[in-house]
Every structure is written in structure tokens, then in C-alpha cells.
Amino acid sequence: MQFEEMGNMSGKTLMLLPGTCCDWQTNFNNVISRLSEKYHLICVNYDGFDGSDTIFPDMLTVTAKIEDYIIKNHGGRIDGAIGSSLGSSFVGQLIMRENIHMDHGIPAGIISLQIG
């Protein structure tokens, strides 16, 4: 898996979780520059969609990897997560499992990710 951090590093931390068979670059391309102005972004590419030869394992394995990243790199806490399609399921898993703290979980459809 790949995690890329960018944007306003002193802003609130927002994780972007793309949809099925997408990387964050494709899924969030239209909103990245606007979100980067205000938020510290953590953009995720899942195993199998990150340009590597790995295969997407399963939801729980990927959820655990996301949790581990948040725990190791952000003290177990982020301000929010936006999930598109499959990413919305990860937002729900992160909330339900209660292994990390997130102030806001936002399940979003691809069409609703248009800003401006």
C-alpha cells in the first residue's frame, strides 16, 4: 500500500480513500488542489492499485494496514476521512473497529466529490 501526504501540513488531517480499482490520483484528481489549500492530506492507494505487483487481499487486511499507518504516523488520530465507493466501506470499518480516532467519517459518491 502507498500513503502520500501533501497539502497544508498545519491544517486538519484528512485521509482520502479511493474507490474500487482506482488510485487516489484518478479518484480525487478534481478536488486535490482545492483540498490541499486547507487540509493536510493523506492519500491512499490500496495493494493491487498502487502500481506494485501485489494483489488486493481483503477488506479487513487493508483496514488494519490503514489503522497501523494512522497509529504509527499520526498518534492514532486523524481529523477526518473521505471515502469514495469502496473507500466509504473503509471509512465505516475504521469507525466500527474503534482502533483509531477520527472526528469525521464522510462516505461520498464519486459525483459528490466535485468542488467549485
PDB file of N, CA and C in Angstrom:
ATOM      1  N   MET A   1       0.842  -1.179   0.000  1.00  0.00           N
ATOM      2  CA  MET A   1       0.000   0.000   0.000  1.00  0.00           C
ATOM      3  C   MET A   1       0.879   1.231   0.000  1.00  0.00           C
ATOM      4  N   GLN A   2       0.329   2.292  -0.546  1.00  0.00           N
ATOM      5  CA  GLN A   2       1.046   3.560  -0.564  1.00  0.00           C
ATOM      6  C   GLN A   2       0.225   4.625   0.141  1.00  0.00           C
ATOM      7  N   PHE A   3       0.924   5.418   0.926  1.00  0.00           N
ATOM      8  CA  PHE A   3       0.337   6.568   1.601  1.00  0.00           C
ATOM      9  C   PHE A   3       1.172   7.770   1.195  1.00  0.00           C
ATOM     10  N   GLU A   4       0.536   8.794   0.656  1.00  0.00           N
ATOM     11  CA  GLU A   4       1.249  10.009   0.278  1.00  0.00           C
ATOM     12  C   GLU A   4       0.631  11.190   1.015  1.00  0.00           C
ATOM     13  N   GLU A   5       1.472  11.939   1.700  1.00  0.00           N
ATOM     14  CA  GLU A   5       0.993  13.097   2.457  1.00  0.00           C
ATOM     15  C   GLU A   5       1.375  14.371   1.730  1.00  0.00           C
ATOM     16  N   MET A   6       0.434  15.321   1.710  1.00  0.00           N
ATOM     17  CA  MET A   6       0.641  16.575   0.991  1.00  0.00           C
ATOM     18  C   MET A   6      -0.303  17.635   1.520  1.00  0.00           C
ATOM     19  N   GLY A   7      -0.208  18.816   0.960  1.00  0.00           N
ATOM     20  CA  GLY A   7      -1.148  19.879   1.279  1.00  0.00           C
ATOM     21  C   GLY A   7      -0.661  20.767   2.399  1.00  0.00           C
ATOM     22  N   ASN A   8      -1.599  21.370   3.094  1.00  0.00           N
ATOM     23  CA  ASN A   8      -1.327  22.291   4.189  1.00  0.00           C
ATOM     24  C   ASN A   8      -0.978  21.474   5.425  1.00  0.00           C
ATOM     25  N   MET A   9       0.300  21.314   5.680  1.00  0.00           N
ATOM     26  CA  MET A   9       0.747  20.422   6.751  1.00  0.00           C
ATOM     27  C   MET A   9       0.360  20.925   8.139  1.00  0.00           C
ATOM     28  N   SER A  10      -0.076  22.170   8.258  1.00  0.00           N
ATOM     29  CA  SER A  10      -0.544  22.669   9.553  1.00  0.00           C
ATOM     30  C   SER A  10      -2.071  22.660   9.635  1.00  0.00           C
ATOM     31  N   GLY A  11      -2.716  22.205   8.557  1.00  0.00           N
ATOM     32  CA  GLY A  11      -4.173  22.119   8.554  1.00  0.00           C
ATOM     33  C   GLY A  11      -4.660  20.830   9.199  1.00  0.00           C
ATOM     34  N   LYS A  12      -5.959  20.707   9.295  1.00  0.00           N
ATOM     35  CA  LYS A  12      -6.546  19.464   9.814  1.00  0.00           C
ATOM     36  C   LYS A  12      -6.196  18.314   8.874  1.00  0.00           C
ATOM     37  N   THR A  13      -6.035  17.129   9.454  1.00  0.00           N
ATOM     38  CA  THR A  13      -5.620  15.950   8.691  1.00  0.00           C
ATOM     39  C   THR A  13      -6.836  15.228   8.130  1.00  0.00           C
ATOM     40  N   LEU A  14      -6.831  15.041   6.812  1.00  0.00           N
ATOM     41  CA  LEU A  14      -7.927  14.419   6.102  1.00  0.00           C
ATOM     42  C   LEU A  14      -7.383  13.287   5.242  1.00  0.00           C
ATOM     43  N   MET A  15      -7.898  12.075   5.456  1.00  0.00           N
ATOM     44  CA  MET A  15      -7.476  10.923   4.665  1.00  0.00           C
ATOM     45  C   MET A  15      -8.439  10.732   3.507  1.00  0.00           C
ATOM     46  N   LEU A  16      -7.885  10.495   2.311  1.00  0.00           N
ATOM     47  CA  LEU A  16      -8.688  10.261   1.116  1.00  0.00           C
ATOM     48  C   LEU A  16      -8.561   8.798   0.714  1.00  0.00           C
ATOM     49  N   LEU A  17      -9.694   8.090   0.705  1.00  0.00           N
ATOM     50  CA  LEU A  17      -9.735   6.658   0.408  1.00  0.00           C
ATOM     51  C   LEU A  17     -10.496   6.447  -0.896  1.00  0.00           C
ATOM     52  N   PRO A  18      -9.814   6.038  -1.957  1.00  0.00           N
ATOM     53  CA  PRO A  18     -10.447   5.919  -3.272  1.00  0.00           C
ATOM     54  C   PRO A  18     -11.371   4.712  -3.397  1.00  0.00           C
ATOM     55  N   GLY A  19     -12.046   4.669  -4.523  1.00  0.00           N
ATOM     56  CA  GLY A  19     -12.989   3.595  -4.807  1.00  0.00           C
ATOM     57  C   GLY A  19     -12.328   2.373  -5.417  1.00  0.00           C
ATOM     58  N   THR A  20     -13.152   1.404  -5.755  1.00  0.00           N
ATOM     59  CA  THR A  20     -12.707   0.140  -6.325  1.00  0.00           C
ATOM     60  C   THR A  20     -11.936   0.367  -7.619  1.00  0.00           C
ATOM     61  N   CYS A  21     -10.803  -0.309  -7.733  1.00  0.00           N
ATOM     62  CA  CYS A  21      -9.963  -0.286  -8.938  1.00  0.00           C
ATOM     63  C   CYS A  21      -9.464   1.102  -9.290  1.00  0.00           C
ATOM     64  N   CYS A  22      -9.380   1.991  -8.303  1.00  0.00           N
ATOM     65  CA  CYS A  22      -8.898   3.352  -8.537  1.00  0.00           C
ATOM     66  C   CYS A  22      -7.692   3.630  -7.666  1.00  0.00           C
ATOM     67  N   ASP A  23      -6.865   4.550  -8.148  1.00  0.00           N
ATOM     68  CA  ASP A  23      -5.857   5.128  -7.270  1.00  0.00           C
ATOM     69  C   ASP A  23      -6.365   6.503  -6.859  1.00  0.00           C
ATOM     70  N   TRP A  24      -5.750   7.096  -5.840  1.00  0.00           N
ATOM     71  CA  TRP A  24      -6.246   8.391  -5.370  1.00  0.00           C
ATOM     72  C   TRP A  24      -6.096   9.455  -6.439  1.00  0.00           C
ATOM     73  N   GLN A  25      -5.064   9.329  -7.288  1.00  0.00           N
ATOM     74  CA  GLN A  25      -4.831  10.322  -8.328  1.00  0.00           C
ATOM     75  C   GLN A  25      -6.025  10.405  -9.287  1.00  0.00           C
ATOM     76  N   THR A  26      -6.569   9.266  -9.663  1.00  0.00           N
ATOM     77  CA  THR A  26      -7.717   9.232 -10.569  1.00  0.00           C
ATOM     78  C   THR A  26      -8.987   9.650  -9.853  1.00  0.00           C
ATOM     79  N   ASN A  27      -9.212   9.101  -8.675  1.00  0.00           N
ATOM     80  CA  ASN A  27     -10.464   9.310  -7.960  1.00  0.00           C
ATOM     81  C   ASN A  27     -10.646  10.733  -7.447  1.00  0.00           C
ATOM     82  N   PHE A  28      -9.565  11.360  -6.989  1.00  0.00           N
ATOM     83  CA  PHE A  28      -9.667  12.673  -6.348  1.00  0.00           C
ATOM     84  C   PHE A  28      -9.011  13.795  -7.152  1.00  0.00           C
ATOM     85  N   ASN A  29      -8.657  13.531  -8.391  1.00  0.00           N
ATOM     86  CA  ASN A  29      -7.954  14.498  -9.231  1.00  0.00           C
ATOM     87  C   ASN A  29      -8.627  15.869  -9.269  1.00  0.00           C
ATOM     88  N   ASN A  30      -9.941  15.911  -9.361  1.00  0.00           N
ATOM     89  CA  ASN A  30     -10.658  17.184  -9.496  1.00  0.00           C
ATOM     90  C   ASN A  30     -10.684  18.021  -8.227  1.00  0.00           C
ATOM     91  N   VAL A  31     -10.388  17.438  -7.088  1.00  0.00           N
ATOM     92  CA  VAL A  31     -10.507  18.178  -5.828  1.00  0.00           C
ATOM     93  C   VAL A  31      -9.196  18.323  -5.054  1.00  0.00           C
ATOM     94  N   ILE A  32      -8.159  17.626  -5.471  1.00  0.00           N
ATOM     95  CA  ILE A  32      -6.902  17.608  -4.718  1.00  0.00           C
ATOM     96  C   ILE A  32      -6.328  19.002  -4.507  1.00  0.00           C
ATOM     97  N   SER A  33      -6.274  19.827  -5.529  1.00  0.00           N
ATOM     98  CA  SER A  33      -5.640  21.140  -5.370  1.00  0.00           C
ATOM     99  C   SER A  33      -6.419  22.021  -4.397  1.00  0.00           C
ATOM    100  N   ARG A  34      -7.737  21.991  -4.462  1.00  0.00           N
ATOM    101  CA  ARG A  34      -8.549  22.796  -3.534  1.00  0.00           C
ATOM    102  C   ARG A  34      -8.442  22.280  -2.104  1.00  0.00           C
ATOM    103  N   LEU A  35      -8.503  20.963  -1.932  1.00  0.00           N
ATOM    104  CA  LEU A  35      -8.380  20.403  -0.584  1.00  0.00           C
ATOM    105  C   LEU A  35      -6.998  20.654   0.005  1.00  0.00           C
ATOM    106  N   SER A  36      -5.964  20.631  -0.835  1.00  0.00           N
ATOM    107  CA  SER A  36      -4.584  20.835  -0.384  1.00  0.00           C
ATOM    108  C   SER A  36      -4.361  22.228   0.191  1.00  0.00           C
ATOM    109  N   GLU A  37      -5.154  23.185  -0.232  1.00  0.00           N
ATOM    110  CA  GLU A  37      -5.011  24.548   0.285  1.00  0.00           C
ATOM    111  C   GLU A  37      -5.328  24.615   1.781  1.00  0.00           C
ATOM    112  N   LYS A  38      -6.285  23.832   2.220  1.00  0.00           N
ATOM    113  CA  LYS A  38      -6.775  23.917   3.593  1.00  0.00           C
ATOM    114  C   LYS A  38      -6.348  22.739   4.473  1.00  0.00           C
ATOM    115  N   TYR A  39      -6.219  21.560   3.893  1.00  0.00           N
ATOM    116  CA  TYR A  39      -6.040  20.340   4.681  1.00  0.00           C
ATOM    117  C   TYR A  39      -4.676  19.685   4.474  1.00  0.00           C
ATOM    118  N   HIS A  40      -4.219  19.017   5.511  1.00  0.00           N
ATOM    119  CA  HIS A  40      -3.092  18.094   5.440  1.00  0.00           C
ATOM    120  C   HIS A  40      -3.695  16.782   4.953  1.00  0.00           C
ATOM    121  N   LEU A  41      -3.376  16.377   3.743  1.00  0.00           N
ATOM    122  CA  LEU A  41      -3.993  15.209   3.120  1.00  0.00           C
ATOM    123  C   LEU A  41      -3.114  13.972   3.256  1.00  0.00           C
ATOM    124  N   ILE A  42      -3.774  12.857   3.523  1.00  0.00           N
ATOM    125  CA  ILE A  42      -3.147  11.546   3.450  1.00  0.00           C
ATOM    126  C   ILE A  42      -3.896  10.806   2.349  1.00  0.00           C
ATOM    127  N   CYS A  43      -3.222  10.588   1.231  1.00  0.00           N
ATOM    128  CA  CYS A  43      -3.853   9.935   0.080  1.00  0.00           C
ATOM    129  C   CYS A  43      -3.399   8.475   0.032  1.00  0.00           C
ATOM    130  N   VAL A  44      -4.353   7.571  -0.124  1.00  0.00           N
ATOM    131  CA  VAL A  44      -4.085   6.140  -0.019  1.00  0.00           C
ATOM    132  C   VAL A  44      -4.271   5.466  -1.375  1.00  0.00           C
ATOM    133  N   ASN A  45      -3.340   4.577  -1.712  1.00  0.00           N
ATOM    134  CA  ASN A  45      -3.505   3.636  -2.824  1.00  0.00           C
ATOM    135  C   ASN A  45      -3.415   2.236  -2.248  1.00  0.00           C
ATOM    136  N   TYR A  46      -4.435   1.442  -2.473  1.00  0.00           N
ATOM    137  CA  TYR A  46      -4.513   0.092  -1.913  1.00  0.00           C
ATOM    138  C   TYR A  46      -3.583  -0.867  -2.652  1.00  0.00           C
ATOM    139  N   ASP A  47      -3.209  -1.954  -1.957  1.00  0.00           N
ATOM    140  CA  ASP A  47      -2.479  -3.039  -2.612  1.00  0.00           C
ATOM    141  C   ASP A  47      -3.252  -3.447  -3.864  1.00  0.00           C
ATOM    142  N   GLY A  48      -2.522  -3.665  -4.939  1.00  0.00           N
ATOM    143  CA  GLY A  48      -3.151  -4.059  -6.195  1.00  0.00           C
ATOM    144  C   GLY A  48      -3.551  -2.884  -7.062  1.00  0.00           C
ATOM    145  N   PHE A  49      -3.631  -1.694  -6.473  1.00  0.00           N
ATOM    146  CA  PHE A  49      -3.966  -0.488  -7.236  1.00  0.00           C
ATOM    147  C   PHE A  49      -2.912   0.584  -7.009  1.00  0.00           C
ATOM    148  N   ASP A  50      -1.745   0.166  -6.534  1.00  0.00           N
ATOM    149  CA  ASP A  50      -0.680   1.099  -6.176  1.00  0.00           C
ATOM    150  C   ASP A  50       0.519   1.008  -7.115  1.00  0.00           C
ATOM    151  N   GLY A  51       0.353   0.315  -8.245  1.00  0.00           N
ATOM    152  CA  GLY A  51       1.444   0.188  -9.202  1.00  0.00           C
ATOM    153  C   GLY A  51       2.403  -0.955  -8.896  1.00  0.00           C
ATOM    154  N   SER A  52       2.186  -1.647  -7.801  1.00  0.00           N
ATOM    155  CA  SER A  52       3.045  -2.784  -7.451  1.00  0.00           C
ATOM    156  C   SER A  52       2.432  -4.071  -7.993  1.00  0.00           C
ATOM    157  N   ASP A  53       3.152  -5.164  -7.789  1.00  0.00           N
ATOM    158  CA  ASP A  53       2.663  -6.473  -8.235  1.00  0.00           C
ATOM    159  C   ASP A  53       1.804  -7.166  -7.189  1.00  0.00           C
ATOM    160  N   THR A  54       1.502  -6.473  -6.090  1.00  0.00           N
ATOM    161  CA  THR A  54       0.699  -7.086  -5.037  1.00  0.00           C
ATOM    162  C   THR A  54      -0.761  -7.184  -5.468  1.00  0.00           C
ATOM    163  N   ILE A  55      -1.485  -8.046  -4.798  1.00  0.00           N
ATOM    164  CA  ILE A  55      -2.904  -8.256  -5.082  1.00  0.00           C
ATOM    165  C   ILE A  55      -3.703  -7.748  -3.898  1.00  0.00           C
ATOM    166  N   PHE A  56      -4.814  -7.100  -4.175  1.00  0.00           N
ATOM    167  CA  PHE A  56      -5.703  -6.639  -3.111  1.00  0.00           C
ATOM    168  C   PHE A  56      -6.118  -7.859  -2.294  1.00  0.00           C
ATOM    169  N   PRO A  57      -5.784  -7.868  -0.978  1.00  0.00           N
ATOM    170  CA  PRO A  57      -6.043  -9.076  -0.194  1.00  0.00           C
ATOM    171  C   PRO A  57      -7.510  -9.219   0.224  1.00  0.00           C
ATOM    172  N   ASP A  58      -7.977  -8.344   1.114  1.00  0.00           N
ATOM    173  CA  ASP A  58      -9.356  -8.359   1.590  1.00  0.00           C
ATOM    174  C   ASP A  58      -9.574  -7.090   2.410  1.00  0.00           C
ATOM    175  N   MET A  59     -10.809  -6.787   2.706  1.00  0.00           N
ATOM    176  CA  MET A  59     -11.159  -5.547   3.411  1.00  0.00           C
ATOM    177  C   MET A  59     -10.498  -5.437   4.785  1.00  0.00           C
ATOM    178  N   LEU A  60     -10.525  -6.497   5.555  1.00  0.00           N
ATOM    179  CA  LEU A  60     -10.003  -6.422   6.922  1.00  0.00           C
ATOM    180  C   LEU A  60      -8.488  -6.247   6.951  1.00  0.00           C
ATOM    181  N   THR A  61      -7.779  -6.892   6.044  1.00  0.00           N
ATOM    182  CA  THR A  61      -6.329  -6.736   5.967  1.00  0.00           C
ATOM    183  C   THR A  61      -5.968  -5.304   5.604  1.00  0.00           C
ATOM    184  N   VAL A  62      -6.651  -4.752   4.626  1.00  0.00           N
ATOM    185  CA  VAL A  62      -6.377  -3.379   4.197  1.00  0.00           C
ATOM    186  C   VAL A  62      -6.765  -2.389   5.301  1.00  0.00           C
ATOM    187  N   THR A  63      -7.901  -2.620   5.963  1.00  0.00           N
ATOM    188  CA  THR A  63      -8.309  -1.751   7.074  1.00  0.00           C
ATOM    189  C   THR A  63      -7.235  -1.746   8.159  1.00  0.00           C
ATOM    190  N   ALA A  64      -6.692  -2.903   8.483  1.00  0.00           N
ATOM    191  CA  ALA A  64      -5.641  -2.994   9.505  1.00  0.00           C
ATOM    192  C   ALA A  64      -4.391  -2.228   9.076  1.00  0.00           C
ATOM    193  N   LYS A  65      -4.045  -2.273   7.809  1.00  0.00           N
ATOM    194  CA  LYS A  65      -2.884  -1.524   7.317  1.00  0.00           C
ATOM    195  C   LYS A  65      -3.127  -0.017   7.431  1.00  0.00           C
ATOM    196  N   ILE A  66      -4.336   0.424   7.142  1.00  0.00           N
ATOM    197  CA  ILE A  66      -4.672   1.845   7.280  1.00  0.00           C
ATOM    198  C   ILE A  66      -4.594   2.257   8.744  1.00  0.00           C
ATOM    199  N   GLU A  67      -5.160   1.433   9.617  1.00  0.00           N
ATOM    200  CA  GLU A  67      -5.094   1.716  11.057  1.00  0.00           C
ATOM    201  C   GLU A  67      -3.643   1.797  11.534  1.00  0.00           C
ATOM    202  N   ASP A  68      -2.819   0.838  11.119  1.00  0.00           N
ATOM    203  CA  ASP A  68      -1.412   0.825  11.521  1.00  0.00           C
ATOM    204  C   ASP A  68      -0.710   2.110  11.093  1.00  0.00           C
ATOM    205  N   TYR A  69      -0.994   2.573   9.880  1.00  0.00           N
ATOM    206  CA  TYR A  69      -0.379   3.804   9.393  1.00  0.00           C
ATOM    207  C   TYR A  69      -0.790   5.000  10.254  1.00  0.00           C
ATOM    208  N   ILE A  70      -2.073   5.082  10.559  1.00  0.00           N
ATOM    209  CA  ILE A  70      -2.572   6.196  11.379  1.00  0.00           C
ATOM    210  C   ILE A  70      -1.968   6.142  12.783  1.00  0.00           C
ATOM    211  N   ILE A  71      -1.869   4.954  13.354  1.00  0.00           N
ATOM    212  CA  ILE A  71      -1.299   4.804  14.693  1.00  0.00           C
ATOM    213  C   ILE A  71       0.181   5.194  14.687  1.00  0.00           C
ATOM    214  N   LYS A  72       0.938   4.681  13.730  1.00  0.00           N
ATOM    215  CA  LYS A  72       2.386   4.919  13.695  1.00  0.00           C
ATOM    216  C   LYS A  72       2.743   6.344  13.302  1.00  0.00           C
ATOM    217  N   ASN A  73       1.978   6.945  12.400  1.00  0.00           N
ATOM    218  CA  ASN A  73       2.360   8.239  11.841  1.00  0.00           C
ATOM    219  C   ASN A  73       1.553   9.430  12.357  1.00  0.00           C
ATOM    220  N   HIS A  74       0.416   9.152  13.007  1.00  0.00           N
ATOM    221  CA  HIS A  74      -0.449  10.247  13.453  1.00  0.00           C
ATOM    222  C   HIS A  74      -1.003  10.018  14.857  1.00  0.00           C
ATOM    223  N   GLY A  75      -0.299   9.221  15.641  1.00  0.00           N
ATOM    224  CA  GLY A  75      -0.686   9.012  17.025  1.00  0.00           C
ATOM    225  C   GLY A  75      -2.060   8.402  17.200  1.00  0.00           C
ATOM    226  N   GLY A  76      -2.532   7.673  16.167  1.00  0.00           N
ATOM    227  CA  GLY A  76      -3.832   7.006  16.266  1.00  0.00           C
ATOM    228  C   GLY A  76      -5.027   7.911  16.043  1.00  0.00           C
ATOM    229  N   ARG A  77      -4.774   9.118  15.510  1.00  0.00           N
ATOM    230  CA  ARG A  77      -5.880  10.081  15.360  1.00  0.00           C
ATOM    231  C   ARG A  77      -5.752  10.878  14.069  1.00  0.00           C
ATOM    232  N   ILE A  78      -6.868  11.008  13.358  1.00  0.00           N
ATOM    233  CA  ILE A  78      -6.966  11.920  12.227  1.00  0.00           C
ATOM    234  C   ILE A  78      -8.249  12.724  12.394  1.00  0.00           C
ATOM    235  N   ASP A  79      -8.295  13.874  11.734  1.00  0.00           N
ATOM    236  CA  ASP A  79      -9.483  14.717  11.854  1.00  0.00           C
ATOM    237  C   ASP A  79     -10.646  14.184  11.030  1.00  0.00           C
ATOM    238  N   GLY A  80     -10.352  13.572   9.889  1.00  0.00           N
ATOM    239  CA  GLY A  80     -11.440  13.058   9.073  1.00  0.00           C
ATOM    240  C   GLY A  80     -10.947  12.158   7.960  1.00  0.00           C
ATOM    241  N   ALA A  81     -11.890  11.445   7.368  1.00  0.00           N
ATOM    242  CA  ALA A  81     -11.609  10.589   6.216  1.00  0.00           C
ATOM    243  C   ALA A  81     -12.784  10.697   5.247  1.00  0.00           C
ATOM    244  N   ILE A  82     -12.436  10.835   3.972  1.00  0.00           N
ATOM    245  CA  ILE A  82     -13.442  10.815   2.907  1.00  0.00           C
ATOM    246  C   ILE A  82     -13.210   9.547   2.110  1.00  0.00           C
ATOM    247  N   GLY A  83     -14.269   8.756   1.963  1.00  0.00           N
ATOM    248  CA  GLY A  83     -14.178   7.535   1.183  1.00  0.00           C
ATOM    249  C   GLY A  83     -15.116   7.587   0.001  1.00  0.00           C
ATOM    250  N   SER A  84     -14.599   7.222  -1.151  1.00  0.00           N
ATOM    251  CA  SER A  84     -15.410   7.145  -2.365  1.00  0.00           C
ATOM    252  C   SER A  84     -15.640   5.675  -2.700  1.00  0.00           C
ATOM    253  N   SER A  85     -16.889   5.284  -2.870  1.00  0.00           N
ATOM    254  CA  SER A  85     -17.225   3.912  -3.253  1.00  0.00           C
ATOM    255  C   SER A  85     -16.619   2.923  -2.243  1.00  0.00           C
ATOM    256  N   LEU A  86     -15.681   2.094  -2.670  1.00  0.00           N
ATOM    257  CA  LEU A  86     -15.017   1.144  -1.766  1.00  0.00           C
ATOM    258  C   LEU A  86     -14.413   1.874  -0.567  1.00  0.00           C
ATOM    259  N   GLY A  87     -13.887   3.061  -0.794  1.00  0.00           N
ATOM    260  CA  GLY A  87     -13.313   3.853   0.288  1.00  0.00           C
ATOM    261  C   GLY A  87     -14.321   4.155   1.380  1.00  0.00           C
ATOM    262  N   SER A  88     -15.595   4.299   1.016  1.00  0.00           N
ATOM    263  CA  SER A  88     -16.647   4.516   2.016  1.00  0.00           C
ATOM    264  C   SER A  88     -16.759   3.325   2.958  1.00  0.00           C
ATOM    265  N   SER A  89     -16.561   2.132   2.419  1.00  0.00           N
ATOM    266  CA  SER A  89     -16.583   0.937   3.262  1.00  0.00           C
ATOM    267  C   SER A  89     -15.426   0.950   4.250  1.00  0.00           C
ATOM    268  N   PHE A  90     -14.257   1.449   3.817  1.00  0.00           N
ATOM    269  CA  PHE A  90     -13.127   1.559   4.738  1.00  0.00           C
ATOM    270  C   PHE A  90     -13.405   2.587   5.825  1.00  0.00           C
ATOM    271  N   VAL A  91     -14.048   3.696   5.482  1.00  0.00           N
ATOM    272  CA  VAL A  91     -14.421   4.690   6.487  1.00  0.00           C
ATOM    273  C   VAL A  91     -15.299   4.016   7.550  1.00  0.00           C
ATOM    274  N   GLY A  92     -16.282   3.248   7.118  1.00  0.00           N
ATOM    275  CA  GLY A  92     -17.157   2.542   8.050  1.00  0.00           C
ATOM    276  C   GLY A  92     -16.404   1.549   8.909  1.00  0.00           C
ATOM    277  N   GLN A  93     -15.477   0.811   8.319  1.00  0.00           N
ATOM    278  CA  GLN A  93     -14.670  -0.154   9.075  1.00  0.00           C
ATOM    279  C   GLN A  93     -13.819   0.546  10.130  1.00  0.00           C
ATOM    280  N   LEU A  94     -13.203   1.664   9.749  1.00  0.00           N
ATOM    281  CA  LEU A  94     -12.359   2.403  10.696  1.00  0.00           C
ATOM    282  C   LEU A  94     -13.168   2.897  11.884  1.00  0.00           C
ATOM    283  N   ILE A  95     -14.374   3.356  11.622  1.00  0.00           N
ATOM    284  CA  ILE A  95     -15.247   3.829  12.707  1.00  0.00           C
ATOM    285  C   ILE A  95     -15.696   2.652  13.576  1.00  0.00           C
ATOM    286  N   MET A  96     -16.148   1.592  12.942  1.00  0.00           N
ATOM    287  CA  MET A  96     -16.699   0.449  13.656  1.00  0.00           C
ATOM    288  C   MET A  96     -15.666  -0.266  14.522  1.00  0.00           C
ATOM    289  N   ARG A  97     -14.441  -0.396  14.037  1.00  0.00           N
ATOM    290  CA  ARG A  97     -13.422  -1.156  14.766  1.00  0.00           C
ATOM    291  C   ARG A  97     -12.865  -0.402  15.969  1.00  0.00           C
ATOM    292  N   GLU A  98     -12.968   0.916  15.968  1.00  0.00           N
ATOM    293  CA  GLU A  98     -12.548   1.756  17.094  1.00  0.00           C
ATOM    294  C   GLU A  98     -11.076   1.580  17.491  1.00  0.00           C
ATOM    295  N   ASN A  99     -10.202   1.256  16.528  1.00  0.00           N
ATOM    296  CA  ASN A  99      -8.776   1.141  16.818  1.00  0.00           C
ATOM    297  C   ASN A  99      -8.045   2.471  16.657  1.00  0.00           C
ATOM    298  N   ILE A 100      -8.661   3.399  15.955  1.00  0.00           N
ATOM    299  CA  ILE A 100      -8.121   4.751  15.796  1.00  0.00           C
ATOM    300  C   ILE A 100      -9.257   5.723  16.104  1.00  0.00           C
ATOM    301  N   HIS A 101      -8.900   7.001  16.249  1.00  0.00           N
ATOM    302  CA  HIS A 101      -9.932   8.019  16.455  1.00  0.00           C
ATOM    303  C   HIS A 101      -9.987   8.922  15.228  1.00  0.00           C
ATOM    304  N   MET A 102     -11.201   9.166  14.763  1.00  0.00           N
ATOM    305  CA  MET A 102     -11.410  10.108  13.674  1.00  0.00           C
ATOM    306  C   MET A 102     -12.624  10.952  14.033  1.00  0.00           C
ATOM    307  N   ASP A 103     -12.477  12.278  13.877  1.00  0.00           N
ATOM    308  CA  ASP A 103     -13.577  13.179  14.221  1.00  0.00           C
ATOM    309  C   ASP A 103     -14.740  13.081  13.235  1.00  0.00           C
ATOM    310  N   HIS A 104     -14.421  12.915  11.955  1.00  0.00           N
ATOM    311  CA  HIS A 104     -15.467  12.905  10.924  1.00  0.00           C
ATOM    312  C   HIS A 104     -15.187  11.818   9.896  1.00  0.00           C
ATOM    313  N   GLY A 105     -16.173  10.978   9.641  1.00  0.00           N
ATOM    314  CA  GLY A 105     -16.102   9.981   8.586  1.00  0.00           C
ATOM    315  C   GLY A 105     -17.118  10.344   7.519  1.00  0.00           C
ATOM    316  N   ILE A 106     -16.654  10.515   6.282  1.00  0.00           N
ATOM    317  CA  ILE A 106     -17.526  11.006   5.217  1.00  0.00           C
ATOM    318  C   ILE A 106     -17.553  10.006   4.064  1.00  0.00           C
ATOM    319  N   PRO A 107     -18.623   9.208   3.968  1.00  0.00           N
ATOM    320  CA  PRO A 107     -18.764   8.345   2.799  1.00  0.00           C
ATOM    321  C   PRO A 107     -19.320   9.188   1.653  1.00  0.00           C
ATOM    322  N   ALA A 108     -18.622   9.205   0.540  1.00  0.00           N
ATOM    323  CA  ALA A 108     -19.032  10.071  -0.569  1.00  0.00           C
ATOM    324  C   ALA A 108     -19.073   9.291  -1.872  1.00  0.00           C
ATOM    325  N   GLY A 109     -20.026   9.617  -2.712  1.00  0.00           N
ATOM    326  CA  GLY A 109     -20.052   9.071  -4.061  1.00  0.00           C
ATOM    327  C   GLY A 109     -19.124   9.879  -4.940  1.00  0.00           C
ATOM    328  N   ILE A 110     -18.745   9.312  -6.065  1.00  0.00           N
ATOM    329  CA  ILE A 110     -17.816   9.973  -6.972  1.00  0.00           C
ATOM    330  C   ILE A 110     -18.367  11.319  -7.449  1.00  0.00           C
ATOM    331  N   ILE A 111     -19.635  11.390  -7.745  1.00  0.00           N
ATOM    332  CA  ILE A 111     -20.215  12.630  -8.265  1.00  0.00           C
ATOM    333  C   ILE A 111     -20.176  13.743  -7.215  1.00  0.00           C
ATOM    334  N   SER A 112     -20.335  13.404  -5.940  1.00  0.00           N
ATOM    335  CA  SER A 112     -20.359  14.430  -4.909  1.00  0.00           C
ATOM    336  C   SER A 112     -18.972  15.005  -4.613  1.00  0.00           C
ATOM    337  N   LEU A 113     -17.927  14.473  -5.228  1.00  0.00           N
ATOM    338  CA  LEU A 113     -16.575  14.943  -4.966  1.00  0.00           C
ATOM    339  C   LEU A 113     -16.173  16.110  -5.871  1.00  0.00           C
ATOM    340  N   GLN A 114     -17.121  16.745  -6.503  1.00  0.00           N
ATOM    341  CA  GLN A 114     -16.844  17.915  -7.322  1.00  0.00           C
ATOM    342  C   GLN A 114     -16.897  19.144  -6.442  1.00  0.00           C
ATOM    343  N   ILE A 115     -15.820  19.910  -6.373  1.00  0.00           N
ATOM    344  CA  ILE A 115     -15.793  21.136  -5.589  1.00  0.00           C
ATOM    345  C   ILE A 115     -15.754  22.313  -6.546  1.00  0.00           C
ATOM    346  N   GLY A 116     -16.527  23.337  -6.222  1.00  0.00           N
ATOM    347  CA  GLY A 116     -16.448  24.555  -7.019  1.00  0.00           C
ATOM    348  C   GLY A 116     -17.643  24.834  -7.840  1.00  0.00           C
TER     349      GLY A 116
END
